[in-house]
C-alpha atoms as a PDB file:
ATOM      1  CA  MET A   1      -0.017  -0.099   0.039  1.00  0.00           C
ATOM      2  CA  TYR A   2       1.446   3.100  -0.819  1.00  0.00           C
ATOM      3  CA  ASP A   3       1.171   6.557   1.080  1.00  0.00           C
ATOM      4  CA  ARG A   4      -2.659   8.215  -0.312  1.00  0.00           C
ATOM      5  CA  ARG A   5      -1.080  11.671   0.257  1.00  0.00           C
ATOM      6  CA  ARG A   6       2.509  11.259  -0.500  1.00  0.00           C
ATOM      7  CA  VAL A   7       1.598  10.178  -3.605  1.00  0.00           C
ATOM      8  CA  SER A   8      -0.895  12.720  -4.228  1.00  0.00           C
ATOM      9  CA  ILE A   9       0.958  16.163  -3.202  1.00  0.00           C
ATOM     10  CA  SER A  10       3.421  14.674  -5.598  1.00  0.00           C
ATOM     11  CA  LYS A  11       1.240  14.066  -8.380  1.00  0.00           C
ATOM     12  CA  TRP A  12      -0.133  17.270  -7.839  1.00  0.00           C
ATOM     13  CA  THR A  13       2.907  19.393  -7.778  1.00  0.00           C
ATOM     14  CA  ALA A  14       4.306  17.517 -10.683  1.00  0.00           C
ATOM     15  CA  ILE A  15       1.155  18.395 -13.183  1.00  0.00           C
ATOM     16  CA  VAL A  16       1.544  22.397 -11.720  1.00  0.00           C
ATOM     17  CA  PHE A  17       5.776  22.090 -12.301  1.00  0.00           C
ATOM     18  CA  ALA A  18       4.798  21.011 -15.802  1.00  0.00           C
ATOM     19  CA  VAL A  19       2.465  23.063 -17.013  1.00  0.00           C
ATOM     20  CA  VAL A  20       5.215  26.023 -15.979  1.00  0.00           C
ATOM     21  CA  LEU A  21       8.111  24.074 -18.013  1.00  0.00           C
ATOM     22  CA  LEU A  22       5.609  23.028 -21.297  1.00  0.00           C
ATOM     23  CA  SER A  23       4.630  26.979 -21.279  1.00  0.00           C
ATOM     24  CA  GLN A  24       8.524  27.401 -20.578  1.00  0.00           C
ATOM     25  CA  SER A  25       9.074  25.342 -23.635  1.00  0.00           C
ATOM     26  CA  ILE A  26       6.867  27.219 -25.784  1.00  0.00           C
ATOM     27  CA  ALA A  27       8.299  30.611 -25.296  1.00  0.00           C
ATOM     28  CA  ARG A  28      11.654  28.879 -25.857  1.00  0.00           C
ATOM     29  CA  TRP A  29      11.361  27.897 -28.632  1.00  0.00           C
ATOM     30  CA  ARG A  30       9.621  30.609 -30.218  1.00  0.00           C
ATOM     31  CA  GLU A  31      12.085  32.799 -29.265  1.00  0.00           C
ATOM     32  CA  PHE A  32      14.911  30.561 -30.539  1.00  0.00           C
ATOM     33  CA  PHE A  33      13.420  30.164 -34.042  1.00  0.00           C
ATOM     34  CA  SER A  34      13.357  34.076 -34.436  1.00  0.00           C
ATOM     35  CA  ALA A  35      17.053  34.322 -33.246  1.00  0.00           C
ATOM     36  CA  PRO A  36      18.565  31.188 -32.517  1.00  0.00           C
ATOM     37  CA  ASP A  37      21.409  31.622 -30.608  1.00  0.00           C
ATOM     38  CA  PHE A  38      23.523  28.903 -28.570  1.00  0.00           C
ATOM     39  CA  ALA A  39      22.200  30.895 -24.429  1.00  0.00           C
ATOM     40  CA  THR A  40      18.527  29.860 -26.224  1.00  0.00           C
ATOM     41  CA  TYR A  41      18.980  26.771 -27.956  1.00  0.00           C
ATOM     42  CA  LEU A  42      20.130  25.721 -24.218  1.00  0.00           C
ATOM     43  CA  ALA A  43      17.593  27.218 -22.578  1.00  0.00           C
ATOM     44  CA  VAL A  44      14.560  24.912 -24.571  1.00  0.00           C
ATOM     45  CA  THR A  45      16.735  22.263 -23.896  1.00  0.00           C
ATOM     46  CA  LEU A  46      17.166  21.686 -20.446  1.00  0.00           C
ATOM     47  CA  ALA A  47      13.121  22.547 -20.397  1.00  0.00           C
ATOM     48  CA  VAL A  48      12.337  20.716 -22.582  1.00  0.00           C
ATOM     49  CA  THR A  49      14.455  17.514 -20.487  1.00  0.00           C
ATOM     50  CA  LEU A  50      12.739  18.961 -16.986  1.00  0.00           C
ATOM     51  CA  LEU A  51       9.450  18.693 -18.538  1.00  0.00           C
ATOM     52  CA  LEU A  52       9.896  15.087 -19.677  1.00  0.00           C
ATOM     53  CA  ALA A  53      11.610  14.197 -15.842  1.00  0.00           C
ATOM     54  CA  LEU A  54       8.002  15.780 -14.742  1.00  0.00           C
ATOM     55  CA  LEU A  55       5.943  13.765 -16.485  1.00  0.00           C
ATOM     56  CA  LEU A  56       8.084  10.727 -15.830  1.00  0.00           C
ATOM     57  CA  ALA A  57       7.252  11.438 -12.049  1.00  0.00           C
ATOM     58  CA  LEU A  58       3.557  12.255 -12.806  1.00  0.00           C
ATOM     59  CA  GLY A  59       3.049   8.720 -14.315  1.00  0.00           C
ATOM     60  CA  VAL A  60       4.929   7.139 -11.255  1.00  0.00           C
ATOM     61  CA  ALA A  61       2.504   9.236  -9.218  1.00  0.00           C
ATOM     62  CA  VAL A  62      -0.470   8.162 -10.964  1.00  0.00           C
ATOM     63  CA  TYR A  63       0.521   4.342 -11.131  1.00  0.00           C
ATOM     64  CA  ALA A  64       0.926   4.337  -7.402  1.00  0.00           C
ATOM     65  CA  GLU A  65      -2.776   5.879  -6.754  1.00  0.00           C
ATOM     66  CA  GLU A  66      -4.560   3.923  -9.376  1.00  0.00           C
ATOM     67  CA  CYS A  67      -2.307   1.026  -8.076  1.00  0.00           C
ATOM     68  CA  ASN A  68      -4.002   2.202  -4.374  1.00  0.00           C
ATOM     69  CA  ARG A  69      -7.332   2.119  -6.093  1.00  0.00           C
ATOM     70  CA  GLY A  70      -6.751  -1.964  -7.651  1.00  0.00           C
ATOM     71  CA  SER A  71      -7.049  -0.754 -11.162  1.00  0.00           C
ATOM     72  CA  ILE A  72      -3.653  -2.001 -11.657  1.00  0.00           C
ATOM     73  CA  LEU A  73      -4.653  -5.756 -12.660  1.00  0.00           C
ATOM     74  CA  VAL A  74      -1.022  -6.435 -14.292  1.00  0.00           C
ATOM     75  CA  PRO A  75       2.565  -4.535 -13.015  1.00  0.00           C
ATOM     76  CA  ARG A  76       4.644  -2.466 -14.659  1.00  0.00           C
ATOM     77  CA  PRO A  77       7.942  -3.385 -13.762  1.00  0.00           C
ATOM     78  CA  PHE A  78       9.706  -0.762 -14.089  1.00  0.00           C
ATOM     79  CA  PHE A  79       6.380   1.816 -12.883  1.00  0.00           C
ATOM     80  CA  GLN A  80       6.516  -0.496  -9.492  1.00  0.00           C
ATOM     81  CA  LYS A  81      10.196  -0.480  -8.610  1.00  0.00           C
ATOM     82  CA  TRP A  82      10.192   3.637  -8.033  1.00  0.00           C
ATOM     83  CA  ALA A  83       6.384   3.970  -6.961  1.00  0.00           C
ATOM     84  CA  ASP A  84       7.959   1.363  -4.019  1.00  0.00           C
ATOM     85  CA  ARG A  85      10.967   3.239  -3.618  1.00  0.00           C
ATOM     86  CA  PHE A  86       8.899   6.554  -3.263  1.00  0.00           C
ATOM     87  CA  PHE A  87       5.119   6.018  -2.219  1.00  0.00           C
ATOM     88  CA  LEU A  88       6.039   3.070  -0.463  1.00  0.00           C
ATOM     89  CA  ILE A  89       4.448   2.437   3.475  1.00  0.00           C
ATOM     90  CA  ARG A  90       7.561   0.883   5.957  1.00  0.00           C
ATOM     91  CA  HIS A  91       6.810   0.343   9.128  1.00  0.00           C
ATOM     92  CA  GLY A  92       8.989   0.321  11.775  1.00  0.00           C
ATOM     93  CA  SER A  93      12.934   0.462  11.142  1.00  0.00           C
ATOM     94  CA  SER A  94      15.905  -1.946  10.134  1.00  0.00           C
ATOM     95  CA  ARG A  95      18.434   0.095  11.293  1.00  0.00           C
ATOM     96  CA  GLY A  96      20.307  -0.745  14.984  1.00  0.00           C
END
């Protein structure tokens, strides 16, 4: 079982940042085509890379949310591994 609160906070945070990064990516893309230079190209590349990373994080959060609902019939190993790493509820401590 995954921590519902952590999954929800992560999902909505990723959505907000993804919307901002998408608008920045589009703005930088238009700026690059009007006056191409290396700094603008670097800004576009960075914005798109961060956007893709946020979309991946959003996919993991949605996977964990759907697992909590019980609607995942076939586990996906990649998403399962990352959802377990970030959202799994751990009881007790293994530290000595």
